[in-house]
Amino acid sequence: MPQVVRLALPGLINIWISVLKDTALVALAGLNEIVARSKIAAGATKEPFLFFILAALFFVVISSATLQSVGAAGAAARPQLESSRRVNP
């Protein structure tokens, strides 16, 4: 089982990042939707920097959370992989 995690984790992370960038996921809007809404808000209020900076910060926060969870998943899988290598050389 640990070998499967090691092989499947990069593909799952790649799919997650693609979903995050391209589509709406649960209650989170995708990057394209955030930028489109920022353009609408910037046009209505004539304050483009505010809305584009907020959109960028939102994406950075979501991306950072993804990186943290990927790091935690990798750290959780690492001891299992090391123990399986010792048992099955």
Protein backbone atom coordinates (compact mmCIF):
# COMPACT_ATOMS: atom_id res chain seq x y z
CA MET A 1 0.00 0.00 0.00
CA PRO A 2 2.72 2.61 0.77
CA GLN A 3 4.21 2.13 -2.69
CA VAL A 4 0.84 2.97 -4.20
CA VAL A 5 0.69 6.20 -2.20
CA ARG A 6 4.15 7.18 -3.38
CA LEU A 7 3.21 6.58 -7.01
CA ALA A 8 -0.31 8.06 -6.86
CA LEU A 9 0.39 11.22 -4.85
CA PRO A 10 2.04 13.29 -7.65
CA GLY A 11 -0.81 12.53 -10.07
CA LEU A 12 -3.45 13.40 -7.50
CA ILE A 13 -1.68 16.66 -6.67
CA ASN A 14 -1.50 17.53 -10.37
CA ILE A 15 -5.23 16.92 -10.79
CA TRP A 16 -6.00 19.02 -7.69
CA ILE A 17 -3.96 21.97 -9.00
CA SER A 18 -5.68 21.73 -12.41
CA VAL A 19 -9.09 21.73 -10.75
CA LEU A 20 -8.07 24.67 -8.60
CA LYS A 21 -6.96 26.71 -11.59
CA ASP A 22 -9.68 25.85 -14.11
CA THR A 23 -13.01 25.12 -12.44
CA ALA A 24 -15.22 25.91 -9.51
CA LEU A 25 -14.72 23.49 -6.64
CA VAL A 26 -17.29 23.18 -3.85
CA ALA A 27 -17.66 26.77 -2.59
CA LEU A 28 -14.37 28.05 -4.00
CA ALA A 29 -14.38 29.79 -7.34
CA GLY A 30 -11.78 28.98 -9.95
CA LEU A 31 -9.09 31.45 -10.96
CA ASN A 32 -10.83 32.41 -14.21
CA GLU A 33 -14.04 33.25 -12.35
CA ILE A 34 -12.21 35.31 -9.74
CA VAL A 35 -10.44 37.36 -12.40
CA ALA A 36 -13.68 37.88 -14.33
CA ARG A 37 -15.48 39.09 -11.22
CA SER A 38 -12.54 41.36 -10.40
CA LYS A 39 -12.80 42.93 -13.87
CA ILE A 40 -16.51 43.58 -13.33
CA ALA A 41 -15.94 45.09 -9.90
CA ALA A 42 -13.00 47.16 -11.13
CA GLY A 43 -15.08 48.54 -14.01
CA ALA A 44 -17.95 49.45 -11.70
CA THR A 45 -15.86 51.15 -9.01
CA LYS A 46 -12.91 52.41 -11.09
CA GLU A 47 -10.52 50.84 -8.56
CA PRO A 48 -8.83 48.02 -10.49
CA PHE A 49 -5.80 47.56 -8.23
CA LEU A 50 -7.88 46.82 -5.15
CA PHE A 51 -9.87 44.03 -6.76
CA PHE A 52 -7.00 42.48 -8.69
CA ILE A 53 -4.80 42.48 -5.59
CA LEU A 54 -7.60 40.83 -3.61
CA ALA A 55 -8.01 38.22 -6.35
CA ALA A 56 -4.27 37.54 -6.34
CA LEU A 57 -4.20 37.25 -2.55
CA PHE A 58 -7.11 34.82 -2.62
CA PHE A 59 -5.32 32.63 -5.15
CA VAL A 60 -2.06 32.79 -3.16
CA VAL A 61 -3.88 31.77 0.04
CA ILE A 62 -5.57 28.81 -1.67
CA SER A 63 -2.31 27.78 -3.35
CA SER A 64 -0.43 28.03 -0.05
CA ALA A 65 -3.04 25.87 1.65
CA THR A 66 -2.63 23.34 -1.16
CA LEU A 67 1.15 23.31 -0.72
CA GLN A 68 0.80 22.86 3.04
CA SER A 69 -1.59 19.94 2.63
CA VAL A 70 0.64 18.35 -0.02
CA GLY A 71 3.62 18.67 2.31
CA ALA A 72 1.63 17.11 5.15
CA ALA A 73 0.49 14.24 2.91
CA GLY A 74 4.05 13.64 1.76
CA ALA A 75 5.35 13.72 5.32
CA ALA A 76 2.64 11.28 6.40
CA ALA A 77 3.50 8.90 3.56
CA ARG A 78 7.26 9.09 4.11
CA PRO A 79 7.43 7.01 7.34
CA GLN A 80 5.28 4.31 5.75
CA LEU A 81 7.59 4.19 2.75
CA GLU A 82 10.72 4.01 4.90
CA SER A 83 9.29 1.22 7.05
CA SER A 84 8.24 -0.77 3.98
CA ARG A 85 11.74 -0.42 2.50
CA ARG A 86 13.29 -1.83 5.66
CA VAL A 87 10.95 -4.82 5.69
CA ASN A 88 11.07 -5.46 1.93
CA PRO A 89 14.56 -4.61 0.65
